[in-house]
Amino acid sequence: MKYSRSVILILAASFCFMSSSMLVTPLITGFSGSVGASAGLMGLIGGLMNLCSLFCRPVVGNMVDRLNKLRLSLAGAALMAASCLAYMLARSAAVIVAARLVNGVGFACCTISMSTWLSSLLPADRIGSGMGLYGMMNALGMAAAPAIGVAVYQRLGYRAAFSAALAFALADAALVLLVGRMERGEADKSAARTPLRIADVRVLPVALIVMLFAIPYCATQSFLVNYVEARGLELSVSLFFPVYAAALLLLRMTLKGLFDRLPFGCFLFAGALCALLSIACLALMRSNAVMLLGAVFMAGGYGVMCSVSQSTAILIAGAGGRGLANGTYYIGLDLGMTLGPIIGGALFGALPLEWFYPALLATVPALIAVYLIWMRGKRGKI
């Protein structure tokens, strides 16, 4: 299928806003420490953007169905640019805390408004493949931006790296304006007649499922280096996430014709199997080959299910509720991104190291249980 110019521009803009935020993520705790933040405050600053974004989701989810998506997307890009400028100028931890809060609001606006805007430009029978491409662009930003940020920091310092994040935010705004010349992203008139809601109850099972897929991934993201070092394993940990990104890109391009044809349950059980195999590989890894096989399986589990879950949430909600459905989906994803490092830290500190990954296996039967209970509520039609 050929996509319109507007769809292609939104996909490019989604890469830019994700890159702007993810470029800052691996640097912000160290930068906070360099301006005098305590260890505890450094940790809080590291998770503050996602925490703020989590609380903004219900508000933005309701707004995006009622207001102009172009304006909301531009507002999000402007807030993200402002936060990057604040990082560049910051001389105290208080300024960084304020900037992280602004970054969280902007990130919530961009993720929900742009994914909803994109879904409104796709025909109903191509939402799965279209949102799969959207997820792929997000995943590329999540994989490439941290590497860019670290490389710039190592050569030119923190503030130069934050200027690169600012450039991505400004590029996002420019691309949104180009889309706006063709598609204004007007509000859905039917949404204005519906009451304000915190979340779409119909989408909550999908949000719980994506949360459970995200927990092992985010725990791995936060603790893989520490885990390998603590166990004395001689592995090239730096290869894990590039291989994950490459596998995800290949899987999404290969499976794009199936996203609109196969039911959610098929992807869920395949994703659950991939998640199980990924965690097993990481628990048993003694060589780079096994570790990288775990990265490939993780792409087949968490990576693919992020896109499938988002497109399913949109289809469940229908045209007038896509913003709230996206907001509900992102609540689940934010919870997974928040709980993953917390749970990982608890396991890393409380259990023998060899039990770190076996304990994370509990997420696999839990997500299957959520799906089965959900389907039982839908009269057993699995």
Protein backbone atom coordinates (compact mmCIF):
# COMPACT_ATOMS: atom_id res chain seq x y z
CA MET A 1 0.00 0.00 0.00
CA LYS A 2 1.23 3.53 -0.84
CA TYR A 3 0.86 6.03 1.99
CA SER A 4 -0.05 9.68 1.50
CA ARG A 5 2.48 12.47 1.95
CA SER A 6 0.75 13.49 5.19
CA VAL A 7 1.17 9.99 6.66
CA ILE A 8 4.86 9.91 5.71
CA LEU A 9 5.45 13.33 7.29
CA ILE A 10 3.73 12.27 10.54
CA LEU A 11 5.88 9.13 10.63
CA ALA A 12 9.01 11.28 10.24
CA ALA A 13 7.76 13.69 12.92
CA SER A 14 7.15 10.78 15.29
CA PHE A 15 10.78 9.71 14.88
CA CYS A 16 11.88 13.27 15.73
CA PHE A 17 9.81 13.75 18.89
CA MET A 18 10.78 10.31 20.19
CA SER A 19 14.45 10.98 19.43
CA SER A 20 14.31 14.33 21.24
CA SER A 21 13.12 12.70 24.46
CA MET A 22 15.15 9.49 24.25
CA LEU A 23 18.40 11.34 23.49
CA VAL A 24 18.14 13.03 26.88
CA THR A 25 17.19 9.90 28.86
CA PRO A 26 20.64 8.28 29.32
CA LEU A 27 22.29 11.63 30.11
CA ILE A 28 19.93 13.46 32.43
CA THR A 29 20.84 11.68 35.68
CA GLY A 30 24.57 12.24 35.18
CA PHE A 31 23.96 15.87 34.22
CA SER A 32 21.84 16.35 37.34
CA GLY A 33 24.67 15.03 39.48
CA SER A 34 27.10 17.40 37.77
CA VAL A 35 25.05 20.42 38.92
CA GLY A 36 24.77 19.20 42.52
CA ALA A 37 21.78 16.83 42.70
CA SER A 38 21.94 14.08 45.33
CA ALA A 39 21.81 10.42 44.32
CA GLY A 40 18.14 10.16 45.33
CA LEU A 41 17.21 13.29 43.39
CA MET A 42 19.14 12.00 40.36
CA GLY A 43 16.97 8.88 40.34
CA LEU A 44 13.79 10.93 40.71
CA ILE A 45 14.81 13.22 37.84
CA GLY A 46 15.51 10.16 35.67
CA GLY A 47 11.93 8.90 35.99
CA LEU A 48 10.14 12.23 36.33
CA MET A 49 9.30 12.72 32.65
CA ASN A 50 7.47 9.40 32.35
CA LEU A 51 5.75 9.92 35.70
CA CYS A 52 4.48 13.36 34.63
CA SER A 53 3.46 11.97 31.24
CA LEU A 54 1.49 9.19 32.96
CA PHE A 55 -0.66 11.70 34.88
CA CYS A 56 -1.17 13.84 31.76
CA ARG A 57 -2.48 10.97 29.62
CA PRO A 58 -6.16 11.09 30.67
CA VAL A 59 -6.34 14.87 30.15
CA VAL A 60 -4.60 14.81 26.76
CA GLY A 61 -6.58 11.72 25.70
CA ASN A 62 -9.85 13.62 26.18
CA MET A 63 -8.49 16.81 24.62
CA VAL A 64 -7.24 15.21 21.43
CA ASP A 65 -10.71 13.98 20.45
CA ARG A 66 -12.19 17.44 21.05
CA LEU A 67 -9.50 19.86 19.85
CA ASN A 68 -7.43 20.50 16.74
CA LYS A 69 -4.68 17.86 16.49
CA LEU A 70 -2.35 20.20 14.62
CA ARG A 71 -2.37 22.69 17.51
CA LEU A 72 -1.90 19.98 20.14
CA SER A 73 1.00 18.46 18.20
CA LEU A 74 2.64 21.88 17.82
CA ALA A 75 2.10 22.61 21.52
CA GLY A 76 3.80 19.32 22.40
CA ALA A 77 6.75 20.06 20.11
CA ALA A 78 7.08 23.58 21.57
CA LEU A 79 7.08 22.26 25.16
CA MET A 80 9.72 19.67 24.29
CA ALA A 81 11.87 22.32 22.62
CA ALA A 82 11.48 24.57 25.68
CA SER A 83 12.57 21.74 27.99
CA CYS A 84 15.68 21.05 25.88
CA LEU A 85 16.60 24.75 25.97
CA ALA A 86 16.16 24.69 29.76
CA TYR A 87 18.52 21.69 30.04
CA MET A 88 21.11 23.61 28.01
CA LEU A 89 20.86 26.65 30.32
CA ALA A 90 20.37 24.84 33.65
CA ARG A 91 22.75 25.57 36.50
CA SER A 92 20.73 23.91 39.29
CA ALA A 93 18.77 20.73 39.93
CA ALA A 94 15.57 22.75 40.46
CA VAL A 95 15.67 24.00 36.86
CA ILE A 96 16.18 20.43 35.62
CA VAL A 97 13.19 19.20 37.66
CA ALA A 98 10.99 21.91 36.13
CA ALA A 99 12.29 21.09 32.65
CA ARG A 100 11.54 17.37 33.12
CA LEU A 101 7.94 18.22 34.04
CA VAL A 102 7.59 20.37 30.92
CA ASN A 103 9.18 17.57 28.88
CA GLY A 104 6.63 15.10 30.27
CA VAL A 105 3.66 17.27 29.30
CA GLY A 106 5.07 17.83 25.81
CA PHE A 107 5.80 14.13 25.37
CA ALA A 108 2.23 13.20 26.37
CA CYS A 109 0.81 15.74 23.89
CA CYS A 110 2.98 14.51 21.02
CA THR A 111 2.49 10.77 21.54
CA ILE A 112 -1.30 10.88 21.81
CA SER A 113 -2.12 13.67 19.35
CA MET A 114 0.16 12.45 16.57
CA SER A 115 -0.74 8.76 16.84
CA THR A 116 -4.45 9.69 16.85
CA TRP A 117 -3.94 12.08 13.93
CA LEU A 118 -2.16 9.33 11.98
CA SER A 119 -4.91 6.79 12.67
CA SER A 120 -7.52 9.24 11.38
CA LEU A 121 -5.68 9.39 8.02
CA LEU A 122 -5.60 5.61 7.59
CA PRO A 123 -8.41 3.50 6.09
CA ALA A 124 -10.01 1.15 8.63
CA ASP A 125 -8.50 -1.94 6.97
CA ARG A 126 -4.96 -0.50 7.14
CA ILE A 127 -4.82 0.75 10.72
CA GLY A 128 -2.80 -2.26 11.88
CA SER A 129 -0.04 -1.91 9.28
CA GLY A 130 -0.04 1.91 9.51
CA MET A 131 0.29 1.91 13.29
CA GLY A 132 2.94 -0.78 12.93
CA LEU A 133 5.02 1.69 10.89
CA TYR A 134 4.35 4.36 13.52
CA GLY A 135 5.61 2.02 16.22
CA MET A 136 8.64 1.18 14.09
CA MET A 137 9.59 4.86 13.77
CA ASN A 138 9.21 5.25 17.54
CA ALA A 139 11.39 2.18 18.10
CA LEU A 140 14.07 3.52 15.76
CA GLY A 141 14.08 6.78 17.70
CA MET A 142 14.35 4.89 20.99
CA ALA A 143 17.30 2.88 19.65
CA ALA A 144 19.22 5.54 17.66
CA ALA A 145 18.79 8.66 19.82
CA PRO A 146 20.52 7.39 23.00
CA ALA A 147 23.53 6.35 20.91
CA ILE A 148 23.63 9.82 19.28
CA GLY A 149 23.28 11.53 22.64
CA VAL A 150 26.06 9.53 24.29
CA ALA A 151 28.39 10.05 21.29
CA VAL A 152 27.84 13.85 21.30
CA TYR A 153 28.25 14.01 25.09
CA GLN A 154 31.53 12.09 25.00
CA ARG A 155 32.96 14.47 22.40
CA LEU A 156 31.37 17.83 23.24
CA GLY A 157 29.68 17.56 26.65
CA TYR A 158 26.16 17.53 28.08
CA ARG A 159 24.94 20.88 26.76
CA ALA A 160 25.93 20.09 23.19
CA ALA A 161 24.02 16.81 23.45
CA PHE A 162 20.93 18.67 24.67
CA SER A 163 21.25 21.01 21.68
CA ALA A 164 20.93 17.92 19.45
CA ALA A 165 17.70 17.04 21.31
CA LEU A 166 16.50 20.62 20.70
CA ALA A 167 17.20 20.18 16.97
CA PHE A 168 15.02 17.06 16.90
CA ALA A 169 12.18 18.91 18.68
CA LEU A 170 12.37 21.80 16.20
CA ALA A 171 12.40 19.34 13.28
CA ASP A 172 9.27 17.74 14.76
CA ALA A 173 7.53 21.14 14.81
CA ALA A 174 8.56 21.87 11.22
CA LEU A 175 7.24 18.53 9.98
CA VAL A 176 3.95 19.02 11.84
CA LEU A 177 3.52 22.40 10.15
CA LEU A 178 4.09 20.75 6.77
CA VAL A 179 1.38 18.19 7.56
CA GLY A 180 -0.89 21.02 8.66
CA ARG A 181 -0.74 22.58 5.20
CA MET A 182 -2.61 19.49 3.92
CA GLU A 183 -4.44 18.02 6.91
CA ARG A 184 -5.72 20.33 9.64
CA GLY A 185 -6.44 17.55 12.14
CA GLU A 186 -9.79 18.95 13.16
CA ALA A 187 -11.68 17.66 16.22
CA ASP A 188 -14.17 14.82 15.90
CA LYS A 189 -17.64 16.36 16.34
CA SER A 190 -19.08 13.16 17.85
CA ALA A 191 -16.45 13.24 20.64
CA ALA A 192 -17.74 16.59 21.89
CA ARG A 193 -21.01 14.93 22.87
CA THR A 194 -19.35 12.26 25.04
CA PRO A 195 -18.54 12.83 28.75
CA LEU A 196 -14.97 13.34 29.95
CA ARG A 197 -13.36 10.10 31.11
CA ILE A 198 -10.05 9.18 32.73
CA ALA A 199 -9.63 6.08 30.55
CA ASP A 200 -11.53 3.94 28.07
CA VAL A 201 -12.64 0.91 30.09
CA ARG A 202 -12.82 -1.20 26.93
CA VAL A 203 -9.11 -0.61 26.29
CA LEU A 204 -7.89 -1.28 29.86
CA PRO A 205 -7.14 -5.00 29.21
CA VAL A 206 -4.95 -3.99 26.26
CA ALA A 207 -3.18 -1.42 28.48
CA LEU A 208 -2.53 -4.09 31.14
CA ILE A 209 -1.18 -6.49 28.53
CA VAL A 210 1.26 -3.96 27.07
CA MET A 211 2.32 -3.02 30.63
CA LEU A 212 3.21 -6.64 31.36
CA PHE A 213 5.17 -6.93 28.10
CA ALA A 214 7.03 -3.69 28.91
CA ILE A 215 8.16 -4.62 32.44
CA PRO A 216 10.85 -7.21 31.44
CA TYR A 217 12.06 -5.00 28.57
CA CYS A 218 12.44 -1.92 30.77
CA ALA A 219 14.03 -3.94 33.59
CA THR A 220 16.54 -5.25 31.04
CA GLN A 221 17.11 -1.75 29.66
CA SER A 222 17.95 -0.49 33.15
CA PHE A 223 19.92 -3.42 34.58
CA LEU A 224 21.47 -5.47 31.76
CA VAL A 225 24.86 -3.80 32.11
CA ASN A 226 24.86 -4.19 35.92
CA TYR A 227 23.62 -7.79 35.65
CA VAL A 228 26.38 -8.80 33.23
CA GLU A 229 29.06 -7.08 35.29
CA ALA A 230 27.83 -8.55 38.59
CA ARG A 231 27.81 -12.07 37.15
CA GLY A 232 31.27 -11.63 35.65
CA LEU A 233 30.10 -12.40 32.12
CA GLU A 234 32.32 -11.31 29.22
CA LEU A 235 29.61 -10.07 26.84
CA SER A 236 29.31 -7.16 24.42
CA VAL A 237 26.27 -5.60 26.06
CA SER A 238 26.43 -2.59 23.73
CA LEU A 239 25.22 -4.85 20.89
CA PHE A 240 21.95 -5.84 22.59
CA PHE A 241 19.77 -2.84 21.76
CA PRO A 242 21.05 -2.22 18.20
CA VAL A 243 20.30 -5.89 17.42
CA TYR A 244 16.89 -5.51 19.08
CA ALA A 245 16.17 -2.46 16.89
CA ALA A 246 17.34 -4.20 13.71
CA ALA A 247 15.26 -7.31 14.48
CA LEU A 248 12.21 -5.15 15.23
CA LEU A 249 12.59 -3.26 11.95
CA LEU A 250 12.84 -6.54 10.02
CA LEU A 251 9.87 -8.11 11.86
CA ARG A 252 7.61 -5.12 11.32
CA MET A 253 8.43 -4.94 7.62
CA THR A 254 7.94 -8.70 7.25
CA LEU A 255 4.70 -8.89 9.23
CA LYS A 256 3.10 -5.65 8.00
CA GLY A 257 0.66 -7.56 5.76
CA LEU A 258 -0.54 -9.63 8.73
CA PHE A 259 -1.27 -6.76 11.14
CA ASP A 260 -4.62 -6.13 9.47
CA ARG A 261 -5.54 -9.80 8.88
CA LEU A 262 -4.74 -11.79 12.01
CA PRO A 263 -6.68 -11.37 15.27
CA PHE A 264 -5.12 -9.93 18.40
CA GLY A 265 -5.04 -13.34 20.10
CA CYS A 266 -2.67 -14.80 17.48
CA PHE A 267 -0.16 -12.03 18.06
CA LEU A 268 -0.57 -12.24 21.83
CA PHE A 269 0.25 -15.94 22.10
CA ALA A 270 3.14 -15.61 19.63
CA GLY A 271 4.39 -12.56 21.56
CA ALA A 272 4.06 -14.38 24.89
CA LEU A 273 6.16 -17.26 23.52
CA CYS A 274 8.79 -14.81 22.27
CA ALA A 275 8.81 -13.05 25.66
CA LEU A 276 9.30 -16.38 27.44
CA LEU A 277 12.16 -17.38 25.10
CA SER A 278 13.76 -13.95 25.43
CA ILE A 279 13.80 -14.08 29.23
CA ALA A 280 15.07 -17.68 29.13
CA CYS A 281 17.95 -16.68 26.82
CA LEU A 282 18.93 -13.81 29.11
CA ALA A 283 18.78 -16.09 32.16
CA LEU A 284 21.02 -18.68 30.49
CA MET A 285 23.35 -16.43 28.46
CA ARG A 286 27.04 -17.18 28.61
CA SER A 287 27.90 -16.00 25.12
CA ASN A 288 27.06 -13.07 22.85
CA ALA A 289 25.11 -15.38 20.53
CA VAL A 290 22.62 -16.36 23.25
CA MET A 291 22.32 -12.78 24.49
CA LEU A 292 21.61 -11.48 20.98
CA LEU A 293 19.10 -14.29 20.39
CA GLY A 294 17.36 -12.93 23.49
CA ALA A 295 17.31 -9.48 21.84
CA VAL A 296 15.67 -10.92 18.72
CA PHE A 297 13.00 -12.72 20.77
CA MET A 298 12.38 -9.55 22.79
CA ALA A 299 11.71 -7.70 19.53
CA GLY A 300 9.19 -10.42 18.64
CA GLY A 301 7.51 -10.04 22.02
CA TYR A 302 7.54 -6.53 23.44
CA GLY A 303 8.47 -4.77 20.20
CA VAL A 304 5.74 -6.23 18.00
CA MET A 305 3.07 -6.24 20.71
CA CYS A 306 3.45 -2.47 21.29
CA SER A 307 2.20 -1.79 17.75
CA VAL A 308 -0.43 -4.54 17.75
CA SER A 309 -1.81 -3.36 21.10
CA GLN A 310 -2.01 0.27 19.99
CA SER A 311 -3.84 -0.52 16.75
CA THR A 312 -6.20 -2.84 18.65
CA ALA A 313 -6.97 -0.07 21.16
CA ILE A 314 -7.82 2.30 18.30
CA LEU A 315 -10.07 -0.24 16.58
CA ILE A 316 -11.89 -1.01 19.84
CA ALA A 317 -12.63 2.66 20.48
CA GLY A 318 -13.82 3.64 17.01
CA ALA A 319 -13.43 7.00 15.24
CA GLY A 320 -14.82 9.26 17.98
CA GLY A 321 -12.71 7.86 20.83
CA ARG A 322 -9.26 7.28 19.36
CA GLY A 323 -7.61 9.96 21.47
CA LEU A 324 -8.86 8.50 24.75
CA ALA A 325 -8.01 4.98 23.53
CA ASN A 326 -4.46 6.11 22.73
CA GLY A 327 -4.25 7.79 26.13
CA THR A 328 -5.37 4.57 27.85
CA TYR A 329 -2.85 2.52 25.85
CA TYR A 330 -0.04 4.90 26.80
CA ILE A 331 -1.04 4.71 30.49
CA GLY A 332 -0.25 1.00 30.31
CA LEU A 333 3.01 1.63 28.47
CA ASP A 334 4.06 4.37 30.92
CA LEU A 335 3.29 2.09 33.86
CA GLY A 336 5.44 -0.64 32.32
CA MET A 337 8.28 1.83 31.71
CA THR A 338 8.00 3.05 35.31
CA LEU A 339 7.52 -0.32 37.02
CA GLY A 340 10.18 -2.13 34.96
CA PRO A 341 13.16 -0.32 36.53
CA ILE A 342 11.50 -0.34 39.98
CA ILE A 343 10.81 -4.09 39.89
CA GLY A 344 14.21 -4.72 38.33
CA GLY A 345 15.91 -2.78 41.12
CA ALA A 346 13.99 -4.70 43.79
CA LEU A 347 14.88 -8.05 42.22
CA PHE A 348 18.51 -7.03 41.68
CA GLY A 349 18.89 -6.07 45.31
CA ALA A 350 16.79 -8.75 47.02
CA LEU A 351 17.37 -12.00 45.08
CA PRO A 352 20.42 -14.01 44.07
CA LEU A 353 21.46 -12.83 40.59
CA GLU A 354 20.60 -16.14 38.93
CA TRP A 355 16.93 -15.57 39.89
CA PHE A 356 16.68 -12.09 38.35
CA TYR A 357 15.32 -13.22 34.98
CA PRO A 358 13.37 -16.28 36.18
CA ALA A 359 11.43 -13.93 38.48
CA LEU A 360 10.55 -11.73 35.49
CA LEU A 361 9.02 -14.79 33.80
CA ALA A 362 5.96 -14.25 36.02
CA THR A 363 4.85 -11.51 33.62
CA VAL A 364 4.17 -14.07 30.85
CA PRO A 365 1.44 -16.13 32.57
CA ALA A 366 0.06 -12.87 34.01
CA LEU A 367 -0.48 -11.30 30.57
CA ILE A 368 -2.05 -14.51 29.25
CA ALA A 369 -4.37 -14.54 32.28
CA VAL A 370 -5.43 -10.93 31.57
CA TYR A 371 -6.24 -11.89 27.98
CA LEU A 372 -8.23 -15.00 28.94
CA ILE A 373 -10.26 -13.10 31.55
CA TRP A 374 -10.91 -10.34 29.00
CA MET A 375 -12.09 -12.85 26.41
CA ARG A 376 -14.29 -14.61 28.96
CA GLY A 377 -15.98 -11.26 29.53
CA LYS A 378 -16.53 -11.13 25.77
CA ARG A 379 -18.41 -14.49 25.94
CA GLY A 380 -15.39 -16.66 25.40
CA LYS A 381 -14.72 -15.67 21.79
CA ILE A 382 -10.93 -16.11 21.73
